[in-house]
Amino acid sequence: MQITDIKVRKLFDEGPMKAIISVTFDGQLAVHDIKVIYAREKYFIVMPSRKNPDDTYRDIVHPINAQFRGMLEDAVIRAYEAALAEAATTKEAESGFETETV
């Protein structure tokens, strides 16, 4: 199974949740709402989950083994970092434009 697309849906400046990501596998299966979290001085991902009646959460979808989880986490965090860099570049470009009154 190959990751064929990663879309950074939303970036957050505040709090431990830094992004919401969608990942497509083999161009056939999309998993939405993967969260990028920054805590304890590192980034990691949290898979989509739902709240149970007892106020606990259960993953809806998750990697079966550590090797695949590592591969997925690395790819998602790289995509997040690329989106951050692109957002910073866009912000710099926008702040560099000054309107001139004639």
Protein backbone atom coordinates (compact mmCIF):
# COMPACT_ATOMS: atom_id res chain seq x y z
CA MET A 1 0.00 0.00 0.00
CA GLN A 2 1.40 3.34 -1.07
CA ILE A 3 0.53 6.85 0.01
CA THR A 4 -0.47 8.61 -3.19
CA ASP A 5 -1.61 11.98 -1.80
CA ILE A 6 -1.48 13.99 1.40
CA LYS A 7 -3.54 17.14 1.83
CA VAL A 8 -3.08 19.51 4.72
CA ARG A 9 -6.65 20.62 5.37
CA LYS A 10 -6.08 23.09 8.19
CA LEU A 11 -3.15 24.56 10.14
CA PHE A 12 -3.40 25.78 13.74
CA ASP A 13 -1.11 28.29 15.48
CA GLU A 14 -2.39 27.81 19.02
CA GLY A 15 -2.49 24.70 21.20
CA PRO A 16 -0.98 21.24 20.75
CA MET A 17 -3.01 20.34 17.63
CA LYS A 18 -1.07 21.76 14.70
CA ALA A 19 -2.86 20.40 11.62
CA ILE A 20 -5.65 18.27 10.22
CA ILE A 21 -4.57 16.05 7.33
CA SER A 22 -6.18 13.78 4.73
CA VAL A 23 -4.19 10.88 3.25
CA THR A 24 -5.01 8.88 0.12
CA PHE A 25 -3.72 5.33 -0.31
CA ASP A 26 -3.19 3.75 -3.74
CA GLY A 27 -5.38 6.47 -5.25
CA GLN A 28 -8.34 4.47 -3.93
CA LEU A 29 -8.87 5.03 -0.21
CA ALA A 30 -8.93 8.37 1.65
CA VAL A 31 -8.53 8.75 5.40
CA HIS A 32 -9.60 12.15 6.71
CA ASP A 33 -9.07 13.92 10.02
CA ILE A 34 -5.60 12.66 10.91
CA LYS A 35 -4.30 15.16 13.45
CA VAL A 36 -0.72 16.40 13.82
CA ILE A 37 0.02 17.02 17.51
CA TYR A 38 3.03 18.69 19.11
CA ALA A 39 3.59 17.61 22.71
CA ARG A 40 6.55 16.68 24.88
CA GLU A 41 8.91 18.35 22.41
CA LYS A 42 7.95 16.16 19.42
CA TYR A 43 5.39 15.78 16.64
CA PHE A 44 3.17 12.73 16.30
CA ILE A 45 -0.11 11.83 14.62
CA VAL A 46 -3.48 10.90 16.07
CA MET A 47 -5.78 8.82 13.93
CA PRO A 48 -9.47 9.68 13.39
CA SER A 49 -11.60 8.62 16.33
CA ARG A 50 -15.09 8.78 17.73
CA LYS A 51 -16.32 9.40 21.23
CA ASN A 52 -17.87 6.46 23.06
CA PRO A 53 -20.84 6.80 25.44
CA ASP A 54 -18.42 6.49 28.40
CA ASP A 55 -16.48 9.57 27.17
CA THR A 56 -13.50 7.54 25.95
CA TYR A 57 -12.30 7.65 22.35
CA ARG A 58 -11.81 4.80 19.91
CA ASP A 59 -9.84 4.99 16.66
CA ILE A 60 -12.00 4.54 13.57
CA VAL A 61 -9.00 3.56 11.46
CA HIS A 62 -5.44 2.83 12.53
CA PRO A 63 -2.18 1.23 11.37
CA ILE A 64 -1.83 -2.44 12.28
CA ASN A 65 1.93 -2.46 12.86
CA ALA A 66 4.65 -0.12 14.04
CA GLN A 67 6.47 -0.15 10.69
CA PHE A 68 3.47 1.17 8.75
CA ARG A 69 2.62 3.65 11.52
CA GLY A 70 6.17 5.01 11.35
CA MET A 71 6.01 5.36 7.58
CA LEU A 72 2.63 7.11 7.77
CA GLU A 73 3.71 9.40 10.61
CA ASP A 74 6.91 10.40 8.78
CA ALA A 75 5.02 11.18 5.56
CA VAL A 76 2.30 13.18 7.32
CA ILE A 77 4.77 15.21 9.40
CA ARG A 78 6.87 15.96 6.30
CA ALA A 79 3.71 17.20 4.53
CA TYR A 80 2.84 19.33 7.56
CA GLU A 81 6.33 20.86 7.64
CA ALA A 82 6.14 21.59 3.89
CA ALA A 83 2.74 23.28 4.38
CA LEU A 84 4.20 25.39 7.21
CA ALA A 85 7.09 26.47 5.00
CA GLU A 86 4.70 27.32 2.16
CA ALA A 87 2.44 29.30 4.52
CA ALA A 88 5.46 31.24 5.82
CA THR A 89 6.61 32.00 2.27
CA THR A 90 3.11 33.14 1.30
CA LYS A 91 2.87 35.32 4.41
CA GLU A 92 6.26 36.91 3.64
CA ALA A 93 5.24 37.57 0.04
CA GLU A 94 1.94 39.11 1.09
CA SER A 95 3.59 41.36 3.69
CA GLY A 96 6.12 42.51 1.10
CA PHE A 97 3.43 43.98 -1.16
CA GLU A 98 2.71 47.59 -0.45
CA THR A 99 0.01 49.51 -2.21
CA GLU A 100 1.12 52.74 -3.78
CA THR A 101 -1.23 55.70 -3.91
CA VAL A 102 -0.92 57.89 -6.98
